[in-house]
Amino acid sequence: MDLEPDIPTLRRILKENRVIAVVGISAHWYRPSFFAAKYMQDHGYRVIPVNPSYREVLGQKCYPSLLDIPEQVDIVDCFRKSADIPPIADQAIAIGAKVLWMQIGVVNLDAAQKALAAGLEVVMDRCVKIEHARLFGGLNWVGVNTRVISAKRPQWLPY
């Protein structure tokens, strides 16, 4: 897989994968990790918070690491520094996640290659909330150029 996924690939990833572990989530409403997770939760995704500093975020039990999550995770969404990604990628591989997603500004090519070699899909330097809104109709209402041209109405996800 290319490290620059195209629109159909991003759309497929977000349609097929419904459980997101948000690594580095904050319990503070004004932090990007919180409102991205809240947006995804509000759009029908199961959000699993991962941060050893909290017991609960967004009404969900918060786990200290990916290895502590007792259910299948589809997407590991990383709100951590680029240098912190390799052990997160190792954990994502260990738990059988399908996608390693690094947020805007987070790029680690070594971790990406390792995840790809283990069969995960990788998205780097993109926000899951922004991509969902862009591809499923949330951004175009405010005049943002989504680079998606279509005469069809947006495909909404079943909730």
C-alpha atoms as a PDB file:
ATOM      1  CA  MET A   1       0.000   0.000   0.000  1.00  0.00           C
ATOM      2  CA  ASP A   2       1.101   3.513  -0.758  1.00  0.00           C
ATOM      3  CA  LEU A   3       1.922   5.754   2.203  1.00  0.00           C
ATOM      4  CA  GLU A   4      -0.255   8.443   0.578  1.00  0.00           C
ATOM      5  CA  PRO A   5      -3.665   6.729   0.474  1.00  0.00           C
ATOM      6  CA  ASP A   6      -6.081   7.995  -2.156  1.00  0.00           C
ATOM      7  CA  ILE A   7      -9.681   9.050  -1.554  1.00  0.00           C
ATOM      8  CA  PRO A   8     -11.243   5.631  -2.275  1.00  0.00           C
ATOM      9  CA  THR A   9      -8.780   3.973   0.118  1.00  0.00           C
ATOM     10  CA  LEU A  10      -9.474   6.462   2.899  1.00  0.00           C
ATOM     11  CA  ARG A  11     -13.219   6.114   2.345  1.00  0.00           C
ATOM     12  CA  ARG A  12     -12.959   2.300   2.484  1.00  0.00           C
ATOM     13  CA  ILE A  13     -10.850   2.393   5.658  1.00  0.00           C
ATOM     14  CA  LEU A  14     -13.380   4.630   7.408  1.00  0.00           C
ATOM     15  CA  LYS A  15     -16.374   2.584   6.213  1.00  0.00           C
ATOM     16  CA  GLU A  16     -14.994  -0.857   7.061  1.00  0.00           C
ATOM     17  CA  ASN A  17     -13.295  -0.126  10.392  1.00  0.00           C
ATOM     18  CA  ARG A  18     -15.615   0.913  13.200  1.00  0.00           C
ATOM     19  CA  VAL A  19     -13.544   0.489  16.393  1.00  0.00           C
ATOM     20  CA  ILE A  20     -10.911   3.164  17.016  1.00  0.00           C
ATOM     21  CA  ALA A  21      -8.369   3.113  19.838  1.00  0.00           C
ATOM     22  CA  VAL A  22      -7.245   6.719  20.375  1.00  0.00           C
ATOM     23  CA  VAL A  23      -3.713   6.613  21.797  1.00  0.00           C
ATOM     24  CA  GLY A  24      -2.751   9.776  23.651  1.00  0.00           C
ATOM     25  CA  ILE A  25      -6.312  11.011  24.074  1.00  0.00           C
ATOM     26  CA  SER A  26      -6.849  13.896  26.477  1.00  0.00           C
ATOM     27  CA  ALA A  27      -9.826  14.266  28.810  1.00  0.00           C
ATOM     28  CA  HIS A  28      -9.809  18.015  28.153  1.00  0.00           C
ATOM     29  CA  TRP A  29     -12.541  19.096  25.707  1.00  0.00           C
ATOM     30  CA  TYR A  30     -10.329  21.740  24.063  1.00  0.00           C
ATOM     31  CA  ARG A  31      -7.599  19.280  22.993  1.00  0.00           C
ATOM     32  CA  PRO A  32      -7.653  18.010  19.382  1.00  0.00           C
ATOM     33  CA  SER A  33      -7.560  14.369  20.509  1.00  0.00           C
ATOM     34  CA  PHE A  34     -10.722  14.866  22.565  1.00  0.00           C
ATOM     35  CA  PHE A  35     -12.822  16.566  19.920  1.00  0.00           C
ATOM     36  CA  ALA A  36     -11.632  14.228  17.140  1.00  0.00           C
ATOM     37  CA  ALA A  37     -12.605  11.224  19.282  1.00  0.00           C
ATOM     38  CA  LYS A  38     -15.911  12.864  20.254  1.00  0.00           C
ATOM     39  CA  TYR A  39     -16.710  13.542  16.597  1.00  0.00           C
ATOM     40  CA  MET A  40     -16.011   9.920  15.644  1.00  0.00           C
ATOM     41  CA  GLN A  41     -18.042   8.660  18.600  1.00  0.00           C
ATOM     42  CA  ASP A  42     -20.930  10.923  17.575  1.00  0.00           C
ATOM     43  CA  HIS A  43     -20.743   9.423  14.074  1.00  0.00           C
ATOM     44  CA  GLY A  44     -21.252   5.840  15.167  1.00  0.00           C
ATOM     45  CA  TYR A  45     -17.704   4.652  15.844  1.00  0.00           C
ATOM     46  CA  ARG A  46     -16.696   2.771  18.974  1.00  0.00           C
ATOM     47  CA  VAL A  47     -13.946   4.901  20.524  1.00  0.00           C
ATOM     48  CA  ILE A  48     -11.579   3.294  23.017  1.00  0.00           C
ATOM     49  CA  PRO A  49      -9.434   5.821  24.920  1.00  0.00           C
ATOM     50  CA  VAL A  50      -5.794   4.896  25.568  1.00  0.00           C
ATOM     51  CA  ASN A  51      -3.857   7.010  28.059  1.00  0.00           C
ATOM     52  CA  PRO A  52      -2.366   5.861  31.378  1.00  0.00           C
ATOM     53  CA  SER A  53      -3.247   9.230  32.957  1.00  0.00           C
ATOM     54  CA  TYR A  54      -7.029   8.672  32.949  1.00  0.00           C
ATOM     55  CA  ARG A  55      -9.546   6.093  34.122  1.00  0.00           C
ATOM     56  CA  GLU A  56     -12.325   7.301  31.795  1.00  0.00           C
ATOM     57  CA  VAL A  57     -12.699   9.620  28.798  1.00  0.00           C
ATOM     58  CA  LEU A  58     -15.879  10.336  26.820  1.00  0.00           C
ATOM     59  CA  GLY A  59     -17.811   7.976  29.087  1.00  0.00           C
ATOM     60  CA  GLN A  60     -15.563   5.058  28.097  1.00  0.00           C
ATOM     61  CA  LYS A  61     -13.037   3.138  30.187  1.00  0.00           C
ATOM     62  CA  CYS A  62      -9.550   4.423  29.411  1.00  0.00           C
ATOM     63  CA  TYR A  63      -6.780   1.835  29.054  1.00  0.00           C
ATOM     64  CA  PRO A  64      -3.090   2.394  29.870  1.00  0.00           C
ATOM     65  CA  SER A  65      -1.933   0.723  26.638  1.00  0.00           C
ATOM     66  CA  LEU A  66      -3.241  -1.003  23.540  1.00  0.00           C
ATOM     67  CA  LEU A  67      -2.237  -4.358  25.054  1.00  0.00           C
ATOM     68  CA  ASP A  68      -4.786  -3.862  27.864  1.00  0.00           C
ATOM     69  CA  ILE A  69      -7.814  -3.524  25.562  1.00  0.00           C
ATOM     70  CA  PRO A  70      -9.982  -6.677  25.833  1.00  0.00           C
ATOM     71  CA  GLU A  71     -11.682  -6.343  22.441  1.00  0.00           C
ATOM     72  CA  GLN A  72     -10.734  -6.175  18.773  1.00  0.00           C
ATOM     73  CA  VAL A  73      -9.426  -2.800  17.588  1.00  0.00           C
ATOM     74  CA  ASP A  74      -9.657  -1.820  13.926  1.00  0.00           C
ATOM     75  CA  ILE A  75      -7.867   1.554  13.828  1.00  0.00           C
ATOM     76  CA  VAL A  76      -5.102   2.711  16.152  1.00  0.00           C
ATOM     77  CA  ASP A  77      -5.301   6.511  15.997  1.00  0.00           C
ATOM     78  CA  CYS A  78      -2.062   8.063  17.306  1.00  0.00           C
ATOM     79  CA  PHE A  79      -2.025  11.444  19.032  1.00  0.00           C
ATOM     80  CA  ARG A  80       1.616  11.145  20.085  1.00  0.00           C
ATOM     81  CA  LYS A  81       4.922  12.609  18.917  1.00  0.00           C
ATOM     82  CA  SER A  82       6.451  10.993  15.841  1.00  0.00           C
ATOM     83  CA  ALA A  83       9.294   9.588  17.959  1.00  0.00           C
ATOM     84  CA  ASP A  84       6.768   7.777  20.184  1.00  0.00           C
ATOM     85  CA  ILE A  85       5.157   5.828  17.329  1.00  0.00           C
ATOM     86  CA  PRO A  86       7.430   2.715  17.019  1.00  0.00           C
ATOM     87  CA  PRO A  87       6.261   1.034  20.272  1.00  0.00           C
ATOM     88  CA  ILE A  88       2.665   1.965  19.443  1.00  0.00           C
ATOM     89  CA  ALA A  89       3.085   0.318  16.026  1.00  0.00           C
ATOM     90  CA  ASP A  90       4.484  -2.781  17.754  1.00  0.00           C
ATOM     91  CA  GLN A  91       1.437  -2.900  20.030  1.00  0.00           C
ATOM     92  CA  ALA A  92      -0.934  -2.328  17.093  1.00  0.00           C
ATOM     93  CA  ILE A  93       0.658  -5.314  15.349  1.00  0.00           C
ATOM     94  CA  ALA A  94       0.497  -7.419  18.533  1.00  0.00           C
ATOM     95  CA  ILE A  95      -3.248  -6.817  19.045  1.00  0.00           C
ATOM     96  CA  GLY A  96      -4.125  -7.476  15.395  1.00  0.00           C
ATOM     97  CA  ALA A  97      -5.254  -3.972  14.498  1.00  0.00           C
ATOM     98  CA  LYS A  98      -6.016  -3.341  10.841  1.00  0.00           C
ATOM     99  CA  VAL A  99      -4.904   0.289  10.488  1.00  0.00           C
ATOM    100  CA  LEU A 100      -2.172   2.425  12.048  1.00  0.00           C
ATOM    101  CA  TRP A 101      -3.340   6.037  11.712  1.00  0.00           C
ATOM    102  CA  MET A 102      -0.981   8.893  12.607  1.00  0.00           C
ATOM    103  CA  GLN A 103      -2.557  12.287  13.131  1.00  0.00           C
ATOM    104  CA  ILE A 104      -1.610  15.566  11.428  1.00  0.00           C
ATOM    105  CA  GLY A 105       2.061  16.303  12.021  1.00  0.00           C
ATOM    106  CA  VAL A 106       2.850  12.719  13.043  1.00  0.00           C
ATOM    107  CA  VAL A 107       5.146  10.904  10.615  1.00  0.00           C
ATOM    108  CA  ASN A 108       7.368   7.914  11.340  1.00  0.00           C
ATOM    109  CA  LEU A 109       8.492   6.044   8.236  1.00  0.00           C
ATOM    110  CA  ASP A 110      10.186   3.201  10.132  1.00  0.00           C
ATOM    111  CA  ALA A 111       7.049   2.470  12.148  1.00  0.00           C
ATOM    112  CA  ALA A 112       4.936   2.760   8.998  1.00  0.00           C
ATOM    113  CA  GLN A 113       7.100   0.265   7.102  1.00  0.00           C
ATOM    114  CA  LYS A 114       7.025  -2.158  10.034  1.00  0.00           C
ATOM    115  CA  ALA A 115       3.226  -1.915  10.237  1.00  0.00           C
ATOM    116  CA  LEU A 116       2.887  -2.368   6.475  1.00  0.00           C
ATOM    117  CA  ALA A 117       5.157  -5.422   6.572  1.00  0.00           C
ATOM    118  CA  ALA A 118       2.900  -6.894   9.278  1.00  0.00           C
ATOM    119  CA  GLY A 119      -0.187  -6.398   7.086  1.00  0.00           C
ATOM    120  CA  LEU A 120      -1.631  -3.196   8.557  1.00  0.00           C
ATOM    121  CA  GLU A 121      -2.721  -0.286   6.439  1.00  0.00           C
ATOM    122  CA  VAL A 122      -1.033   2.993   7.322  1.00  0.00           C
ATOM    123  CA  VAL A 123      -2.235   6.588   7.188  1.00  0.00           C
ATOM    124  CA  MET A 124       0.195   9.329   8.213  1.00  0.00           C
ATOM    125  CA  ASP A 125      -0.090  13.063   8.753  1.00  0.00           C
ATOM    126  CA  ARG A 126      -3.893  13.117   8.493  1.00  0.00           C
ATOM    127  CA  CYS A 127      -6.712  13.687  10.963  1.00  0.00           C
ATOM    128  CA  VAL A 128      -9.335  10.947  11.137  1.00  0.00           C
ATOM    129  CA  LYS A 129     -12.035  13.521  11.980  1.00  0.00           C
ATOM    130  CA  ILE A 130     -11.128  15.824   9.104  1.00  0.00           C
ATOM    131  CA  GLU A 131     -10.933  12.929   6.644  1.00  0.00           C
ATOM    132  CA  HIS A 132     -14.298  11.562   7.779  1.00  0.00           C
ATOM    133  CA  ALA A 133     -15.944  14.976   7.461  1.00  0.00           C
ATOM    134  CA  ARG A 134     -14.273  15.608   4.096  1.00  0.00           C
ATOM    135  CA  LEU A 135     -15.234  12.255   2.600  1.00  0.00           C
ATOM    136  CA  PHE A 136     -18.684  11.820   4.110  1.00  0.00           C
ATOM    137  CA  GLY A 137     -20.080  15.320   3.752  1.00  0.00           C
ATOM    138  CA  GLY A 138     -19.272  17.261   6.904  1.00  0.00           C
ATOM    139  CA  LEU A 139     -16.852  19.884   5.593  1.00  0.00           C
ATOM    140  CA  ASN A 140     -18.343  20.979   2.288  1.00  0.00           C
ATOM    141  CA  TRP A 141     -21.242  22.739   4.007  1.00  0.00           C
ATOM    142  CA  VAL A 142     -18.906  25.426   5.317  1.00  0.00           C
ATOM    143  CA  GLY A 143     -17.175  26.129   2.019  1.00  0.00           C
ATOM    144  CA  VAL A 144     -14.049  24.032   2.558  1.00  0.00           C
ATOM    145  CA  ASN A 145     -12.482  22.634  -0.591  1.00  0.00           C
ATOM    146  CA  THR A 146     -12.631  18.900   0.080  1.00  0.00           C
ATOM    147  CA  ARG A 147     -11.075  17.945  -3.289  1.00  0.00           C
ATOM    148  CA  VAL A 148     -13.978  15.532  -3.743  1.00  0.00           C
ATOM    149  CA  ILE A 149     -16.027  16.409  -6.812  1.00  0.00           C
ATOM    150  CA  SER A 150     -19.323  14.635  -7.234  1.00  0.00           C
ATOM    151  CA  ALA A 151     -22.881  15.342  -8.278  1.00  0.00           C
ATOM    152  CA  LYS A 152     -24.011  12.664  -5.830  1.00  0.00           C
ATOM    153  CA  ARG A 153     -24.988  13.342  -2.255  1.00  0.00           C
ATOM    154  CA  PRO A 154     -22.388  12.259   0.328  1.00  0.00           C
ATOM    155  CA  GLN A 155     -22.431   8.615   1.375  1.00  0.00           C
ATOM    156  CA  TRP A 156     -23.494   8.601   5.001  1.00  0.00           C
ATOM    157  CA  LEU A 157     -22.396   5.826   7.259  1.00  0.00           C
ATOM    158  CA  PRO A 158     -25.060   3.689   8.924  1.00  0.00           C
ATOM    159  CA  TYR A 159     -25.209   4.438  12.628  1.00  0.00           C
END
